[in-house]
Amino acid sequence: MKITEQYTIEELKRGVRNPFFEKLNKKTEVAVRHEDYKIFAEIAEKNGTRPEVIMNRCLASYAKKLKEHGD
């Protein structure tokens, strides 16, 4: 596999592993209240994605804000 090779949406949907996942990400587990998860699930359904994708985007957005403000 070449590093410059790009994946299609269909390949990604089938679960092609990102060879850089471990270098770029920290896998963790967080407990989420059922009520909060329901909110993420509703937003995800409207956007045609999974709740975990929405939660990851929210977390990344908040981390960026924290970094900008130095908190």
C-alpha atoms as a PDB file:
ATOM      1  CA  MET A   1       0.000   0.000   0.000  1.00  0.00           C
ATOM      2  CA  LYS A   2       1.289   3.428  -0.925  1.00  0.00           C
ATOM      3  CA  ILE A   3       0.980   6.274   1.553  1.00  0.00           C
ATOM      4  CA  THR A   4      -0.467   8.472  -1.199  1.00  0.00           C
ATOM      5  CA  GLU A   5      -3.240   5.967  -1.939  1.00  0.00           C
ATOM      6  CA  GLN A   6      -6.664   7.472  -1.277  1.00  0.00           C
ATOM      7  CA  TYR A   7      -9.684   5.515  -0.140  1.00  0.00           C
ATOM      8  CA  THR A   8     -13.182   5.763  -1.578  1.00  0.00           C
ATOM      9  CA  ILE A   9     -16.230   6.342   0.631  1.00  0.00           C
ATOM     10  CA  GLU A  10     -17.303   2.751  -0.055  1.00  0.00           C
ATOM     11  CA  GLU A  11     -13.958   1.425   1.195  1.00  0.00           C
ATOM     12  CA  LEU A  12     -14.175   3.543   4.328  1.00  0.00           C
ATOM     13  CA  LYS A  13     -17.714   2.318   4.986  1.00  0.00           C
ATOM     14  CA  ARG A  14     -16.413  -1.261   4.790  1.00  0.00           C
ATOM     15  CA  GLY A  15     -13.942  -0.474   7.539  1.00  0.00           C
ATOM     16  CA  VAL A  16     -10.598  -0.047   5.815  1.00  0.00           C
ATOM     17  CA  ARG A  17      -8.145   0.472   8.658  1.00  0.00           C
ATOM     18  CA  ASN A  18      -6.310   3.755   8.739  1.00  0.00           C
ATOM     19  CA  PRO A  19      -2.641   2.789   8.968  1.00  0.00           C
ATOM     20  CA  PHE A  20      -1.930   6.031  10.873  1.00  0.00           C
ATOM     21  CA  PHE A  21      -4.749   5.713  13.420  1.00  0.00           C
ATOM     22  CA  GLU A  22      -2.519   4.766  16.355  1.00  0.00           C
ATOM     23  CA  LYS A  23      -0.031   7.558  15.599  1.00  0.00           C
ATOM     24  CA  LEU A  24      -2.700  10.249  15.195  1.00  0.00           C
ATOM     25  CA  ASN A  25      -5.287   9.261  17.798  1.00  0.00           C
ATOM     26  CA  LYS A  26      -5.636   8.216  21.425  1.00  0.00           C
ATOM     27  CA  LYS A  27      -8.369   5.645  21.848  1.00  0.00           C
ATOM     28  CA  THR A  28     -10.322   6.129  25.065  1.00  0.00           C
ATOM     29  CA  GLU A  29     -13.650   5.295  26.636  1.00  0.00           C
ATOM     30  CA  VAL A  30     -15.995   7.805  28.244  1.00  0.00           C
ATOM     31  CA  ALA A  31     -19.265   7.127  30.050  1.00  0.00           C
ATOM     32  CA  VAL A  32     -22.157   9.210  28.681  1.00  0.00           C
ATOM     33  CA  ARG A  33     -25.524   9.557  30.370  1.00  0.00           C
ATOM     34  CA  HIS A  34     -28.412   8.050  28.429  1.00  0.00           C
ATOM     35  CA  GLU A  35     -30.100  11.445  28.168  1.00  0.00           C
ATOM     36  CA  ASP A  36     -26.965  13.019  26.666  1.00  0.00           C
ATOM     37  CA  TYR A  37     -26.423  10.120  24.265  1.00  0.00           C
ATOM     38  CA  LYS A  38     -29.998  10.502  23.052  1.00  0.00           C
ATOM     39  CA  ILE A  39     -29.247  14.098  22.037  1.00  0.00           C
ATOM     40  CA  PHE A  40     -26.188  13.010  20.058  1.00  0.00           C
ATOM     41  CA  ALA A  41     -28.190  10.166  18.487  1.00  0.00           C
ATOM     42  CA  GLU A  42     -30.926  12.553  17.325  1.00  0.00           C
ATOM     43  CA  ILE A  43     -28.396  14.927  15.745  1.00  0.00           C
ATOM     44  CA  ALA A  44     -26.565  12.011  14.140  1.00  0.00           C
ATOM     45  CA  GLU A  45     -29.785  10.672  12.630  1.00  0.00           C
ATOM     46  CA  LYS A  46     -30.527  14.066  11.068  1.00  0.00           C
ATOM     47  CA  ASN A  47     -27.023  14.113   9.575  1.00  0.00           C
ATOM     48  CA  GLY A  48     -26.973  10.493   8.453  1.00  0.00           C
ATOM     49  CA  THR A  49     -24.066   9.495  10.663  1.00  0.00           C
ATOM     50  CA  ARG A  50     -23.342   7.759  13.967  1.00  0.00           C
ATOM     51  CA  PRO A  51     -23.604   9.419  17.408  1.00  0.00           C
ATOM     52  CA  GLU A  52     -19.920   8.701  18.059  1.00  0.00           C
ATOM     53  CA  VAL A  53     -18.960  10.832  15.054  1.00  0.00           C
ATOM     54  CA  ILE A  54     -20.937  13.775  16.448  1.00  0.00           C
ATOM     55  CA  MET A  55     -19.408  13.296  19.909  1.00  0.00           C
ATOM     56  CA  ASN A  56     -15.894  13.217  18.427  1.00  0.00           C
ATOM     57  CA  ARG A  57     -16.560  16.448  16.526  1.00  0.00           C
ATOM     58  CA  CYS A  58     -17.864  18.151  19.676  1.00  0.00           C
ATOM     59  CA  LEU A  59     -14.874  17.002  21.692  1.00  0.00           C
ATOM     60  CA  ALA A  60     -12.408  18.159  19.023  1.00  0.00           C
ATOM     61  CA  SER A  61     -14.158  21.536  18.766  1.00  0.00           C
ATOM     62  CA  TYR A  62     -14.052  22.066  22.517  1.00  0.00           C
ATOM     63  CA  ALA A  63     -10.401  20.980  22.741  1.00  0.00           C
ATOM     64  CA  LYS A  64      -9.573  23.568  20.075  1.00  0.00           C
ATOM     65  CA  LYS A  65     -11.349  26.286  22.065  1.00  0.00           C
ATOM     66  CA  LEU A  66      -9.500  25.296  25.233  1.00  0.00           C
ATOM     67  CA  LYS A  67      -6.201  25.464  23.405  1.00  0.00           C
ATOM     68  CA  GLU A  68      -6.990  28.920  21.976  1.00  0.00           C
ATOM     69  CA  HIS A  69      -7.921  30.334  25.385  1.00  0.00           C
ATOM     70  CA  GLY A  70      -5.212  28.568  27.350  1.00  0.00           C
ATOM     71  CA  ASP A  71      -7.694  27.149  29.875  1.00  0.00           C
END
